[in-house]
C-alpha cells in the first residue's frame, strides 16, 4: 500500500543513526547523533542487564508492558538534555512505541490484580 506524502501532516525530526550488533535485540541498540557525537544506549529491561555507569544520564521509557532504559555514552555538559530526550523519542517512534512515556527515574508499577 502506498501512502501519499502530505507535508502538513509530517513533523520534521532530526536523523540519528542506530547501531545494533548481531548479538543484540532491536530494543538494545545504540542511538548516535552525528552532529554532537553523543551516543545513547538502549536496554530492554526484560531481556538485558542494565548496570548504570557513573557520570552518564539515564532515562526510562514505558509503553504498555515494555520498559526500556536509556543511558548516555560519553556524556558531558555540552550535551543538552533536550537532545537526549529527542534521541529517545525518535528511537521510540522507530520501534513503533507511539504511546511511550519517558521517565527520569525508574518507574515502579504495582499490579493490584
N, C-alpha and C. Protein backbone atom coordinates (compact mmCIF):
# COMPACT_ATOMS: atom_id res chain seq x y z
N UNK A 1 0.84 -1.16 0.00
CA UNK A 1 0.00 0.00 0.00
C UNK A 1 0.89 1.24 0.00
N UNK A 2 0.63 2.17 -0.88
CA UNK A 2 1.40 3.40 -0.97
C UNK A 2 0.67 4.51 -0.23
N UNK A 3 1.44 5.34 0.42
CA UNK A 3 0.86 6.47 1.13
C UNK A 3 1.35 7.75 0.47
N UNK A 4 0.45 8.67 0.26
CA UNK A 4 0.83 9.96 -0.30
C UNK A 4 1.49 10.80 0.79
N UNK A 5 2.45 11.59 0.40
CA UNK A 5 3.15 12.46 1.34
C UNK A 5 2.39 13.77 1.44
N UNK A 6 1.97 14.11 2.63
CA UNK A 6 1.29 15.36 2.90
C UNK A 6 2.15 16.16 3.86
N UNK A 7 2.83 17.22 3.37
CA UNK A 7 3.77 17.95 4.23
C UNK A 7 3.16 18.47 5.52
N UNK A 8 1.90 18.85 5.50
CA UNK A 8 1.29 19.41 6.71
C UNK A 8 1.06 18.35 7.78
N UNK A 9 1.16 17.07 7.44
CA UNK A 9 0.93 16.01 8.41
C UNK A 9 2.23 15.41 8.95
N UNK A 10 3.36 15.92 8.52
CA UNK A 10 4.64 15.36 8.95
C UNK A 10 5.41 16.38 9.76
N UNK A 11 6.03 15.91 10.82
CA UNK A 11 6.86 16.76 11.66
C UNK A 11 8.31 16.46 11.32
N UNK A 12 9.09 17.49 11.12
CA UNK A 12 10.49 17.31 10.80
C UNK A 12 11.24 16.90 12.06
N UNK A 13 11.92 15.78 12.00
CA UNK A 13 12.72 15.30 13.13
C UNK A 13 14.15 15.12 12.65
N UNK A 14 15.07 15.29 13.55
CA UNK A 14 16.47 15.07 13.22
C UNK A 14 16.69 13.61 12.88
N UNK A 15 17.69 13.37 12.07
CA UNK A 15 18.04 12.00 11.74
C UNK A 15 19.19 11.56 12.63
N UNK A 16 19.01 10.41 13.22
CA UNK A 16 20.04 9.81 14.04
C UNK A 16 20.39 8.47 13.42
N UNK A 17 21.47 7.89 13.85
CA UNK A 17 21.89 6.58 13.38
C UNK A 17 21.67 5.57 14.50
N UNK A 18 21.37 4.34 14.13
CA UNK A 18 21.18 3.27 15.11
C UNK A 18 22.17 2.16 14.79
N UNK A 19 22.88 1.71 15.80
CA UNK A 19 23.74 0.55 15.60
C UNK A 19 23.26 -0.56 16.53
N UNK A 20 23.15 -1.75 15.95
CA UNK A 20 22.71 -2.92 16.69
C UNK A 20 23.62 -4.07 16.30
N UNK A 21 24.33 -4.64 17.26
CA UNK A 21 25.20 -5.77 16.93
C UNK A 21 24.34 -7.00 16.67
N UNK A 22 24.91 -7.96 16.01
CA UNK A 22 24.13 -9.17 15.70
C UNK A 22 23.77 -9.97 16.94
N UNK A 23 24.42 -9.67 18.06
CA UNK A 23 24.11 -10.36 19.32
C UNK A 23 23.08 -9.63 20.15
N UNK A 24 22.63 -8.46 19.69
CA UNK A 24 21.69 -7.66 20.46
C UNK A 24 20.30 -7.72 19.85
N UNK A 25 19.31 -7.51 20.70
CA UNK A 25 17.94 -7.39 20.23
C UNK A 25 17.73 -5.97 19.70
N UNK A 26 16.69 -5.78 18.91
CA UNK A 26 16.39 -4.47 18.33
C UNK A 26 16.27 -3.40 19.40
N UNK A 27 15.69 -3.75 20.54
CA UNK A 27 15.49 -2.77 21.60
C UNK A 27 16.75 -2.52 22.42
N UNK A 28 17.86 -3.11 22.03
CA UNK A 28 19.14 -2.91 22.72
C UNK A 28 20.13 -2.18 21.84
N UNK A 29 19.65 -1.31 20.99
CA UNK A 29 20.52 -0.59 20.08
C UNK A 29 21.18 0.61 20.71
N UNK A 30 22.06 1.23 19.95
CA UNK A 30 22.70 2.47 20.35
C UNK A 30 22.33 3.54 19.34
N UNK A 31 21.87 4.68 19.84
CA UNK A 31 21.48 5.80 19.00
C UNK A 31 22.69 6.74 18.92
N UNK A 32 23.03 7.18 17.72
CA UNK A 32 24.17 8.07 17.50
C UNK A 32 23.67 9.38 16.92
N UNK A 33 24.10 10.49 17.50
CA UNK A 33 23.83 11.80 16.91
C UNK A 33 25.09 12.22 16.17
N UNK A 34 25.04 12.26 14.83
CA UNK A 34 26.26 12.58 14.08
C UNK A 34 26.75 14.01 14.31
N UNK A 35 25.87 14.93 14.70
CA UNK A 35 26.30 16.32 14.90
C UNK A 35 27.07 16.50 16.21
N UNK A 36 26.53 16.00 17.31
CA UNK A 36 27.17 16.20 18.61
C UNK A 36 28.09 15.05 19.01
N UNK A 37 28.01 13.95 18.27
CA UNK A 37 28.78 12.72 18.56
C UNK A 37 28.30 12.01 19.82
N UNK A 38 27.18 12.44 20.39
CA UNK A 38 26.63 11.79 21.57
C UNK A 38 26.01 10.45 21.20
N UNK A 39 26.15 9.49 22.09
CA UNK A 39 25.53 8.17 21.92
C UNK A 39 24.60 7.93 23.10
N UNK A 40 23.48 7.25 22.83
CA UNK A 40 22.55 6.85 23.87
C UNK A 40 22.26 5.37 23.66
N UNK A 41 22.55 4.56 24.66
CA UNK A 41 22.37 3.10 24.59
C UNK A 41 21.02 2.74 25.17
N UNK A 42 20.30 1.86 24.48
CA UNK A 42 19.00 1.35 24.94
C UNK A 42 19.18 -0.05 25.51
N UNK A 43 18.44 -0.33 26.57
CA UNK A 43 18.47 -1.64 27.22
C UNK A 43 17.04 -2.12 27.44
N UNK A 44 16.66 -3.22 26.83
CA UNK A 44 15.35 -3.82 27.09
C UNK A 44 15.41 -4.41 28.50
N UNK A 45 14.64 -3.84 29.41
CA UNK A 45 14.74 -4.23 30.82
C UNK A 45 14.28 -5.66 31.08
N UNK A 46 13.53 -6.26 30.17
CA UNK A 46 13.08 -7.64 30.36
C UNK A 46 14.12 -8.65 29.88
N UNK A 47 15.00 -8.22 28.95
CA UNK A 47 15.92 -9.17 28.35
C UNK A 47 17.39 -8.83 28.53
N UNK A 48 17.69 -7.66 29.03
CA UNK A 48 19.08 -7.22 29.15
C UNK A 48 19.42 -6.88 30.59
N UNK A 49 20.69 -6.95 30.90
CA UNK A 49 21.16 -6.49 32.20
C UNK A 49 21.59 -5.04 32.06
N UNK A 50 21.04 -4.20 32.91
CA UNK A 50 21.37 -2.79 32.87
C UNK A 50 22.07 -2.41 34.15
N UNK A 51 23.31 -1.96 34.03
CA UNK A 51 24.08 -1.51 35.18
C UNK A 51 24.49 -0.06 34.89
N UNK A 52 23.90 0.90 35.62
CA UNK A 52 24.19 2.31 35.37
C UNK A 52 25.67 2.64 35.51
N UNK A 53 26.15 3.53 34.65
CA UNK A 53 27.53 3.99 34.70
C UNK A 53 27.59 5.38 35.33
N UNK A 54 28.58 5.60 36.14
CA UNK A 54 28.76 6.88 36.81
C UNK A 54 29.05 7.97 35.77
N UNK A 55 28.44 9.14 35.98
CA UNK A 55 28.68 10.28 35.11
C UNK A 55 27.81 10.33 33.87
N UNK A 56 26.98 9.34 33.66
CA UNK A 56 26.10 9.32 32.49
C UNK A 56 24.67 9.64 32.92
N UNK A 57 23.88 10.16 31.99
CA UNK A 57 22.46 10.42 32.25
C UNK A 57 21.65 9.23 31.82
N UNK A 58 20.56 8.97 32.53
CA UNK A 58 19.70 7.84 32.15
C UNK A 58 18.24 8.24 32.24
N UNK A 59 17.47 7.62 31.37
CA UNK A 59 16.02 7.80 31.33
C UNK A 59 15.40 6.43 31.12
N UNK A 60 14.12 6.34 31.42
CA UNK A 60 13.39 5.08 31.27
C UNK A 60 12.13 5.35 30.47
N UNK A 61 11.79 4.40 29.62
CA UNK A 61 10.59 4.52 28.80
C UNK A 61 9.66 3.37 29.13
N UNK A 62 8.38 3.70 29.32
CA UNK A 62 7.36 2.67 29.46
C UNK A 62 6.36 2.83 28.33
N UNK A 63 5.94 1.71 27.81
CA UNK A 63 4.91 1.68 26.76
C UNK A 63 4.23 0.32 26.88
N UNK A 64 3.00 0.32 27.42
CA UNK A 64 2.33 -0.95 27.66
C UNK A 64 3.12 -1.75 28.68
N UNK A 65 3.47 -2.99 28.32
CA UNK A 65 4.26 -3.83 29.24
C UNK A 65 5.76 -3.75 28.94
N UNK A 66 6.17 -2.82 28.10
CA UNK A 66 7.58 -2.63 27.75
C UNK A 66 8.22 -1.61 28.70
N UNK A 67 9.45 -1.89 29.11
CA UNK A 67 10.26 -0.92 29.84
C UNK A 67 11.65 -0.96 29.25
N UNK A 68 12.11 0.20 28.80
CA UNK A 68 13.43 0.31 28.18
C UNK A 68 14.22 1.38 28.94
N UNK A 69 15.45 1.04 29.30
CA UNK A 69 16.35 2.01 29.93
C UNK A 69 17.21 2.63 28.84
N UNK A 70 17.51 3.90 28.98
CA UNK A 70 18.40 4.60 28.05
C UNK A 70 19.48 5.27 28.87
N UNK A 71 20.73 5.14 28.43
CA UNK A 71 21.83 5.78 29.13
C UNK A 71 22.79 6.37 28.10
N UNK A 72 23.24 7.59 28.41
CA UNK A 72 24.20 8.23 27.52
C UNK A 72 25.53 7.49 27.57
N UNK A 73 26.31 7.65 26.51
CA UNK A 73 27.67 7.12 26.47
C UNK A 73 28.56 8.28 26.04
N UNK A 74 29.40 8.73 26.94
CA UNK A 74 30.27 9.86 26.63
C UNK A 74 29.61 11.20 26.87
N UNK A 75 28.72 11.25 27.86
CA UNK A 75 28.01 12.50 28.17
C UNK A 75 28.97 13.52 28.75
N UNK A 76 28.80 14.77 28.34
CA UNK A 76 29.47 15.88 29.00
C UNK A 76 28.50 17.06 29.01
N UNK A 77 28.83 18.08 29.75
CA UNK A 77 27.87 19.17 29.99
C UNK A 77 27.49 19.94 28.74
N UNK A 78 28.22 19.79 27.65
CA UNK A 78 27.83 20.50 26.42
C UNK A 78 26.59 19.85 25.77
N UNK A 79 26.31 18.61 26.13
CA UNK A 79 25.14 17.92 25.58
C UNK A 79 23.90 18.37 26.34
N UNK A 80 22.93 18.85 25.63
CA UNK A 80 21.71 19.33 26.27
C UNK A 80 20.76 18.16 26.53
N UNK A 81 20.06 18.25 27.65
CA UNK A 81 19.11 17.20 28.00
C UNK A 81 18.03 17.07 26.93
N UNK A 82 17.65 18.18 26.30
CA UNK A 82 16.64 18.14 25.25
C UNK A 82 17.09 17.26 24.09
N UNK A 83 18.37 17.31 23.73
CA UNK A 83 18.89 16.46 22.66
C UNK A 83 18.72 14.99 23.02
N UNK A 84 19.02 14.64 24.26
CA UNK A 84 18.89 13.24 24.70
C UNK A 84 17.44 12.80 24.62
N UNK A 85 16.52 13.64 25.06
CA UNK A 85 15.09 13.30 25.01
C UNK A 85 14.61 13.19 23.56
N UNK A 86 15.12 14.02 22.67
CA UNK A 86 14.77 13.92 21.26
C UNK A 86 15.27 12.60 20.67
N UNK A 87 16.47 12.21 21.03
CA UNK A 87 17.03 10.95 20.53
C UNK A 87 16.18 9.77 21.02
N UNK A 88 15.78 9.81 22.28
CA UNK A 88 14.97 8.73 22.84
C UNK A 88 13.60 8.67 22.17
N UNK A 89 12.96 9.82 22.00
CA UNK A 89 11.63 9.83 21.38
C UNK A 89 11.71 9.37 19.93
N UNK A 90 12.76 9.75 19.22
CA UNK A 90 12.97 9.30 17.84
C UNK A 90 13.09 7.78 17.79
N UNK A 91 13.85 7.21 18.72
CA UNK A 91 14.04 5.77 18.76
C UNK A 91 12.72 5.05 19.09
N UNK A 92 11.94 5.63 19.99
CA UNK A 92 10.64 5.03 20.33
C UNK A 92 9.72 5.02 19.11
N UNK A 93 9.73 6.09 18.35
CA UNK A 93 8.92 6.12 17.12
C UNK A 93 9.43 5.07 16.15
N UNK A 94 10.75 4.94 16.02
CA UNK A 94 11.35 3.92 15.16
C UNK A 94 10.87 2.52 15.56
N UNK A 95 10.76 2.27 16.87
CA UNK A 95 10.31 0.96 17.37
C UNK A 95 8.79 0.79 17.28
N UNK A 96 8.07 1.87 16.98
CA UNK A 96 6.61 1.80 16.91
C UNK A 96 5.96 1.97 18.27
N UNK A 97 6.67 2.49 19.24
CA UNK A 97 6.13 2.72 20.58
C UNK A 97 5.56 4.14 20.65
N UNK A 98 4.45 4.34 19.99
CA UNK A 98 3.89 5.68 19.83
C UNK A 98 3.30 6.26 21.12
N UNK A 99 2.98 5.42 22.09
CA UNK A 99 2.42 5.90 23.34
C UNK A 99 3.44 5.82 24.48
N UNK A 100 4.71 5.85 24.12
CA UNK A 100 5.78 5.75 25.11
C UNK A 100 5.79 6.96 26.03
N UNK A 101 6.12 6.70 27.28
CA UNK A 101 6.29 7.77 28.27
C UNK A 101 7.72 7.72 28.76
N UNK A 102 8.37 8.89 28.79
CA UNK A 102 9.76 8.97 29.22
C UNK A 102 9.79 9.42 30.68
N UNK A 103 10.56 8.69 31.49
CA UNK A 103 10.67 8.97 32.92
C UNK A 103 12.13 9.26 33.26
N UNK A 104 12.35 10.15 34.21
CA UNK A 104 13.72 10.45 34.64
C UNK A 104 14.21 9.49 35.72
N UNK A 105 13.30 8.74 36.33
CA UNK A 105 13.66 7.72 37.31
C UNK A 105 12.99 6.41 36.91
N UNK A 106 13.48 5.34 37.48
CA UNK A 106 12.91 4.03 37.14
C UNK A 106 11.46 3.97 37.59
N UNK A 107 10.55 3.70 36.66
CA UNK A 107 9.12 3.65 37.03
C UNK A 107 8.80 2.33 37.73
N UNK A 108 8.15 2.43 38.85
CA UNK A 108 7.75 1.24 39.59
C UNK A 108 6.24 1.08 39.41
N UNK A 109 5.87 -0.05 38.82
CA UNK A 109 4.45 -0.31 38.60
C UNK A 109 4.00 -1.40 39.57
N UNK A 110 2.85 -1.19 40.14
CA UNK A 110 2.29 -2.19 41.04
C UNK A 110 1.06 -2.80 40.37
N UNK A 111 1.05 -4.10 40.29
CA UNK A 111 -0.10 -4.82 39.74
C UNK A 111 -1.01 -5.21 40.90
N UNK A 112 -2.17 -4.58 40.97
CA UNK A 112 -3.08 -4.83 42.08
C UNK A 112 -4.06 -5.95 41.81
N UNK A 113 -3.92 -6.60 40.68
CA UNK A 113 -4.86 -7.71 40.35
C UNK A 113 -4.40 -9.01 40.93
